[in-house]
Amino acid sequence: MRLTEFHELIREEFGQVRGDSMLRDHVLTSFGGRTGAEAIEAGEEPREVWRALCRDFDVPRVRW
């Protein structure tokens, strides 16, 4: 997944403001306590960050 696609999915699922906040503020335990933005900056795959956010926020699996 490209980073642009990742950001599109975030906006579509959560909205611009909430999505941006989630990336900056929500701690993902599956990424060692980093936020989504920190995980991506550290080189984690955007698809895996997307899946972690979907799990944490109960997004139906069909939209992962």
PDB file of N, CA and C in Angstrom:
ATOM      1  N   MET A   1       0.848  -1.169   0.000  1.00  0.00           N
ATOM      2  CA  MET A   1       0.000   0.000   0.000  1.00  0.00           C
ATOM      3  C   MET A   1       0.895   1.234   0.000  1.00  0.00           C
ATOM      4  N   ARG A   2       0.593   2.122  -0.897  1.00  0.00           N
ATOM      5  CA  ARG A   2       1.327   3.394  -0.937  1.00  0.00           C
ATOM      6  C   ARG A   2       0.816   4.321   0.168  1.00  0.00           C
ATOM      7  N   LEU A   3       1.654   5.235   0.545  1.00  0.00           N
ATOM      8  CA  LEU A   3       1.300   6.172   1.612  1.00  0.00           C
ATOM      9  C   LEU A   3       0.101   7.029   1.225  1.00  0.00           C
ATOM     10  N   THR A   4      -0.009   7.411  -0.047  1.00  0.00           N
ATOM     11  CA  THR A   4      -1.161   8.210  -0.476  1.00  0.00           C
ATOM     12  C   THR A   4      -2.456   7.414  -0.322  1.00  0.00           C
ATOM     13  N   GLU A   5      -2.426   6.131  -0.643  1.00  0.00           N
ATOM     14  CA  GLU A   5      -3.609   5.292  -0.475  1.00  0.00           C
ATOM     15  C   GLU A   5      -3.964   5.168   1.008  1.00  0.00           C
ATOM     16  N   PHE A   6      -2.947   5.021   1.850  1.00  0.00           N
ATOM     17  CA  PHE A   6      -3.156   4.947   3.292  1.00  0.00           C
ATOM     18  C   PHE A   6      -3.904   6.184   3.795  1.00  0.00           C
ATOM     19  N   HIS A   7      -3.438   7.360   3.398  1.00  0.00           N
ATOM     20  CA  HIS A   7      -4.076   8.599   3.854  1.00  0.00           C
ATOM     21  C   HIS A   7      -5.486   8.743   3.294  1.00  0.00           C
ATOM     22  N   GLU A   8      -5.727   8.264   2.091  1.00  0.00           N
ATOM     23  CA  GLU A   8      -7.085   8.279   1.533  1.00  0.00           C
ATOM     24  C   GLU A   8      -8.009   7.405   2.358  1.00  0.00           C
ATOM     25  N   LEU A   9      -7.547   6.202   2.729  1.00  0.00           N
ATOM     26  CA  LEU A   9      -8.365   5.298   3.541  1.00  0.00           C
ATOM     27  C   LEU A   9      -8.674   5.907   4.905  1.00  0.00           C
ATOM     28  N   ILE A  10      -7.685   6.538   5.505  1.00  0.00           N
ATOM     29  CA  ILE A  10      -7.889   7.198   6.804  1.00  0.00           C
ATOM     30  C   ILE A  10      -8.980   8.257   6.683  1.00  0.00           C
ATOM     31  N   ARG A  11      -8.869   9.114   5.655  1.00  0.00           N
ATOM     32  CA  ARG A  11      -9.865  10.185   5.458  1.00  0.00           C
ATOM     33  C   ARG A  11     -11.255   9.611   5.191  1.00  0.00           C
ATOM     34  N   GLU A  12     -11.331   8.585   4.359  1.00  0.00           N
ATOM     35  CA  GLU A  12     -12.637   8.009   4.031  1.00  0.00           C
ATOM     36  C   GLU A  12     -13.290   7.359   5.238  1.00  0.00           C
ATOM     37  N   GLU A  13     -12.510   6.653   6.030  1.00  0.00           N
ATOM     38  CA  GLU A  13     -13.073   5.912   7.163  1.00  0.00           C
ATOM     39  C   GLU A  13     -13.359   6.789   8.372  1.00  0.00           C
ATOM     40  N   PHE A  14     -12.464   7.719   8.668  1.00  0.00           N
ATOM     41  CA  PHE A  14     -12.557   8.465   9.920  1.00  0.00           C
ATOM     42  C   PHE A  14     -12.782   9.964   9.757  1.00  0.00           C
ATOM     43  N   GLY A  15     -12.640  10.481   8.548  1.00  0.00           N
ATOM     44  CA  GLY A  15     -12.725  11.917   8.332  1.00  0.00           C
ATOM     45  C   GLY A  15     -11.353  12.541   8.503  1.00  0.00           C
ATOM     46  N   GLN A  16     -11.173  13.701   7.918  1.00  0.00           N
ATOM     47  CA  GLN A  16      -9.863  14.359   7.911  1.00  0.00           C
ATOM     48  C   GLN A  16      -9.366  14.696   9.310  1.00  0.00           C
ATOM     49  N   VAL A  17     -10.183  15.376  10.078  1.00  0.00           N
ATOM     50  CA  VAL A  17      -9.742  15.863  11.392  1.00  0.00           C
ATOM     51  C   VAL A  17      -9.516  14.701  12.358  1.00  0.00           C
ATOM     52  N   ARG A  18     -10.481  13.797  12.454  1.00  0.00           N
ATOM     53  CA  ARG A  18     -10.338  12.658  13.370  1.00  0.00           C
ATOM     54  C   ARG A  18      -9.186  11.761  12.926  1.00  0.00           C
ATOM     55  N   GLY A  19      -9.072  11.509  11.624  1.00  0.00           N
ATOM     56  CA  GLY A  19      -7.996  10.673  11.110  1.00  0.00           C
ATOM     57  C   GLY A  19      -6.628  11.251  11.419  1.00  0.00           C
ATOM     58  N   ASP A  20      -6.465  12.547  11.201  1.00  0.00           N
ATOM     59  CA  ASP A  20      -5.190  13.198  11.517  1.00  0.00           C
ATOM     60  C   ASP A  20      -4.869  13.081  13.007  1.00  0.00           C
ATOM     61  N   SER A  21      -5.876  13.275  13.828  1.00  0.00           N
ATOM     62  CA  SER A  21      -5.688  13.169  15.271  1.00  0.00           C
ATOM     63  C   SER A  21      -5.309  11.750  15.675  1.00  0.00           C
ATOM     64  N   MET A  22      -5.964  10.776  15.098  1.00  0.00           N
ATOM     65  CA  MET A  22      -5.665   9.375  15.408  1.00  0.00           C
ATOM     66  C   MET A  22      -4.213   9.045  15.074  1.00  0.00           C
ATOM     67  N   LEU A  23      -3.754   9.489  13.928  1.00  0.00           N
ATOM     68  CA  LEU A  23      -2.379   9.206  13.523  1.00  0.00           C
ATOM     69  C   LEU A  23      -1.362   9.824  14.473  1.00  0.00           C
ATOM     70  N   ARG A  24      -1.654  10.999  14.980  1.00  0.00           N
ATOM     71  CA  ARG A  24      -0.728  11.708  15.864  1.00  0.00           C
ATOM     72  C   ARG A  24      -0.838  11.289  17.326  1.00  0.00           C
ATOM     73  N   ASP A  25      -2.048  10.939  17.771  1.00  0.00           N
ATOM     74  CA  ASP A  25      -2.301  10.791  19.201  1.00  0.00           C
ATOM     75  C   ASP A  25      -2.576   9.378  19.694  1.00  0.00           C
ATOM     76  N   HIS A  26      -3.125   8.522  18.854  1.00  0.00           N
ATOM     77  CA  HIS A  26      -3.502   7.174  19.303  1.00  0.00           C
ATOM     78  C   HIS A  26      -2.282   6.262  19.337  1.00  0.00           C
ATOM     79  N   VAL A  27      -2.022   5.669  20.479  1.00  0.00           N
ATOM     80  CA  VAL A  27      -0.883   4.775  20.654  1.00  0.00           C
ATOM     81  C   VAL A  27      -1.285   3.365  20.222  1.00  0.00           C
ATOM     82  N   LEU A  28      -0.478   2.792  19.343  1.00  0.00           N
ATOM     83  CA  LEU A  28      -0.714   1.438  18.843  1.00  0.00           C
ATOM     84  C   LEU A  28       0.178   0.459  19.614  1.00  0.00           C
ATOM     85  N   THR A  29      -0.425  -0.367  20.439  1.00  0.00           N
ATOM     86  CA  THR A  29       0.371  -1.311  21.223  1.00  0.00           C
ATOM     87  C   THR A  29       1.095  -2.309  20.333  1.00  0.00           C
ATOM     88  N   SER A  30       0.517  -2.624  19.195  1.00  0.00           N
ATOM     89  CA  SER A  30       1.148  -3.589  18.285  1.00  0.00           C
ATOM     90  C   SER A  30       2.403  -3.020  17.618  1.00  0.00           C
ATOM     91  N   PHE A  31       2.651  -1.726  17.787  1.00  0.00           N
ATOM     92  CA  PHE A  31       3.859  -1.101  17.256  1.00  0.00           C
ATOM     93  C   PHE A  31       4.711  -0.521  18.381  1.00  0.00           C
ATOM     94  N   GLY A  32       4.741  -1.224  19.478  1.00  0.00           N
ATOM     95  CA  GLY A  32       5.620  -0.836  20.567  1.00  0.00           C
ATOM     96  C   GLY A  32       5.265   0.466  21.249  1.00  0.00           C
ATOM     97  N   GLY A  33       3.994   0.823  21.243  1.00  0.00           N
ATOM     98  CA  GLY A  33       3.575   2.045  21.905  1.00  0.00           C
ATOM     99  C   GLY A  33       3.786   3.300  21.088  1.00  0.00           C
ATOM    100  N   ARG A  34       4.040   3.125  19.790  1.00  0.00           N
ATOM    101  CA  ARG A  34       4.186   4.294  18.913  1.00  0.00           C
ATOM    102  C   ARG A  34       2.827   4.666  18.332  1.00  0.00           C
ATOM    103  N   THR A  35       2.713   5.905  17.920  1.00  0.00           N
ATOM    104  CA  THR A  35       1.511   6.325  17.207  1.00  0.00           C
ATOM    105  C   THR A  35       1.627   5.841  15.761  1.00  0.00           C
ATOM    106  N   GLY A  36       0.538   5.933  15.013  1.00  0.00           N
ATOM    107  CA  GLY A  36       0.580   5.552  13.614  1.00  0.00           C
ATOM    108  C   GLY A  36       1.586   6.366  12.828  1.00  0.00           C
ATOM    109  N   ALA A  37       1.630   7.658  13.088  1.00  0.00           N
ATOM    110  CA  ALA A  37       2.580   8.530  12.392  1.00  0.00           C
ATOM    111  C   ALA A  37       4.015   8.146  12.726  1.00  0.00           C
ATOM    112  N   GLU A  38       4.279   7.855  13.987  1.00  0.00           N
ATOM    113  CA  GLU A  38       5.629   7.454  14.396  1.00  0.00           C
ATOM    114  C   GLU A  38       6.025   6.118  13.771  1.00  0.00           C
ATOM    115  N   ALA A  39       5.080   5.188  13.720  1.00  0.00           N
ATOM    116  CA  ALA A  39       5.360   3.873  13.136  1.00  0.00           C
ATOM    117  C   ALA A  39       5.711   3.998  11.655  1.00  0.00           C
ATOM    118  N   ILE A  40       4.947   4.793  10.931  1.00  0.00           N
ATOM    119  CA  ILE A  40       5.224   4.983   9.507  1.00  0.00           C
ATOM    120  C   ILE A  40       6.566   5.679   9.311  1.00  0.00           C
ATOM    121  N   GLU A  41       6.824   6.687  10.117  1.00  0.00           N
ATOM    122  CA  GLU A  41       8.101   7.396  10.011  1.00  0.00           C
ATOM    123  C   GLU A  41       9.280   6.470  10.315  1.00  0.00           C
ATOM    124  N   ALA A  42       9.048   5.478  11.175  1.00  0.00           N
ATOM    125  CA  ALA A  42      10.102   4.524  11.529  1.00  0.00           C
ATOM    126  C   ALA A  42      10.269   3.431  10.469  1.00  0.00           C
ATOM    127  N   GLY A  43       9.436   3.470   9.425  1.00  0.00           N
ATOM    128  CA  GLY A  43       9.593   2.525   8.330  1.00  0.00           C
ATOM    129  C   GLY A  43       8.603   1.380   8.303  1.00  0.00           C
ATOM    130  N   GLU A  44       7.627   1.398   9.188  1.00  0.00           N
ATOM    131  CA  GLU A  44       6.601   0.341   9.169  1.00  0.00           C
ATOM    132  C   GLU A  44       5.734   0.492   7.921  1.00  0.00           C
ATOM    133  N   GLU A  45       5.224  -0.629   7.456  1.00  0.00           N
ATOM    134  CA  GLU A  45       4.370  -0.632   6.271  1.00  0.00           C
ATOM    135  C   GLU A  45       3.039   0.061   6.576  1.00  0.00           C
ATOM    136  N   PRO A  46       2.609   0.995   5.730  1.00  0.00           N
ATOM    137  CA  PRO A  46       1.320   1.661   5.942  1.00  0.00           C
ATOM    138  C   PRO A  46       0.151   0.675   6.058  1.00  0.00           C
ATOM    139  N   ARG A  47       0.179  -0.416   5.298  1.00  0.00           N
ATOM    140  CA  ARG A  47      -0.912  -1.399   5.370  1.00  0.00           C
ATOM    141  C   ARG A  47      -1.029  -1.982   6.774  1.00  0.00           C
ATOM    142  N   GLU A  48       0.103  -2.254   7.413  1.00  0.00           N
ATOM    143  CA  GLU A  48       0.067  -2.817   8.760  1.00  0.00           C
ATOM    144  C   GLU A  48      -0.419  -1.792   9.777  1.00  0.00           C
ATOM    145  N   VAL A  49      -0.054  -0.549   9.592  1.00  0.00           N
ATOM    146  CA  VAL A  49      -0.553   0.515  10.468  1.00  0.00           C
ATOM    147  C   VAL A  49      -2.058   0.668  10.269  1.00  0.00           C
ATOM    148  N   TRP A  50      -2.511   0.623   9.021  1.00  0.00           N
ATOM    149  CA  TRP A  50      -3.943   0.697   8.720  1.00  0.00           C
ATOM    150  C   TRP A  50      -4.694  -0.426   9.429  1.00  0.00           C
ATOM    151  N   ARG A  51      -4.188  -1.638   9.331  1.00  0.00           N
ATOM    152  CA  ARG A  51      -4.847  -2.783   9.975  1.00  0.00           C
ATOM    153  C   ARG A  51      -4.886  -2.618  11.494  1.00  0.00           C
ATOM    154  N   ALA A  52      -3.816  -2.116  12.075  1.00  0.00           N
ATOM    155  CA  ALA A  52      -3.791  -1.897  13.522  1.00  0.00           C
ATOM    156  C   ALA A  52      -4.836  -0.861  13.937  1.00  0.00           C
ATOM    157  N   LEU A  53      -4.951   0.209  13.177  1.00  0.00           N
ATOM    158  CA  LEU A  53      -5.974   1.218  13.474  1.00  0.00           C
ATOM    159  C   LEU A  53      -7.369   0.627  13.323  1.00  0.00           C
ATOM    160  N   CYS A  54      -7.572  -0.165  12.289  1.00  0.00           N
ATOM    161  CA  CYS A  54      -8.878  -0.795  12.077  1.00  0.00           C
ATOM    162  C   CYS A  54      -9.243  -1.707  13.245  1.00  0.00           C
ATOM    163  N   ARG A  55      -8.281  -2.479  13.724  1.00  0.00           N
ATOM    164  CA  ARG A  55      -8.537  -3.349  14.883  1.00  0.00           C
ATOM    165  C   ARG A  55      -8.897  -2.522  16.107  1.00  0.00           C
ATOM    166  N   ASP A  56      -8.118  -1.485  16.372  1.00  0.00           N
ATOM    167  CA  ASP A  56      -8.336  -0.678  17.574  1.00  0.00           C
ATOM    168  C   ASP A  56      -9.662   0.074  17.552  1.00  0.00           C
ATOM    169  N   PHE A  57     -10.137   0.428  16.357  1.00  0.00           N
ATOM    170  CA  PHE A  57     -11.359   1.229  16.257  1.00  0.00           C
ATOM    171  C   PHE A  57     -12.537   0.447  15.675  1.00  0.00           C
ATOM    172  N   ASP A  58     -12.438  -0.886  15.726  1.00  0.00           N
ATOM    173  CA  ASP A  58     -13.542  -1.777  15.347  1.00  0.00           C
ATOM    174  C   ASP A  58     -14.099  -1.518  13.950  1.00  0.00           C
ATOM    175  N   VAL A  59     -13.223  -1.268  13.008  1.00  0.00           N
ATOM    176  CA  VAL A  59     -13.635  -1.129  11.610  1.00  0.00           C
ATOM    177  C   VAL A  59     -13.941  -2.531  11.089  1.00  0.00           C
ATOM    178  N   PRO A  60     -15.088  -2.733  10.440  1.00  0.00           N
ATOM    179  CA  PRO A  60     -15.400  -4.062   9.905  1.00  0.00           C
ATOM    180  C   PRO A  60     -14.294  -4.568   8.970  1.00  0.00           C
ATOM    181  N   ARG A  61     -13.975  -5.844   9.085  1.00  0.00           N
ATOM    182  CA  ARG A  61     -12.867  -6.452   8.332  1.00  0.00           C
ATOM    183  C   ARG A  61     -13.003  -6.271   6.819  1.00  0.00           C
ATOM    184  N   VAL A  62     -14.198  -6.164   6.312  1.00  0.00           N
ATOM    185  CA  VAL A  62     -14.359  -6.001   4.854  1.00  0.00           C
ATOM    186  C   VAL A  62     -13.757  -4.694   4.357  1.00  0.00           C
ATOM    187  N   ARG A  63     -13.510  -3.739   5.264  1.00  0.00           N
ATOM    188  CA  ARG A  63     -12.941  -2.457   4.848  1.00  0.00           C
ATOM    189  C   ARG A  63     -11.437  -2.350   5.145  1.00  0.00           C
ATOM    190  N   TRP A  64     -10.827  -3.444   5.603  1.00  0.00           N
ATOM    191  CA  TRP A  64      -9.391  -3.438   5.864  1.00  0.00           C
ATOM    192  C   TRP A  64      -8.668  -3.565   4.573  1.00  0.00           C
TER     193      TRP A  64
END
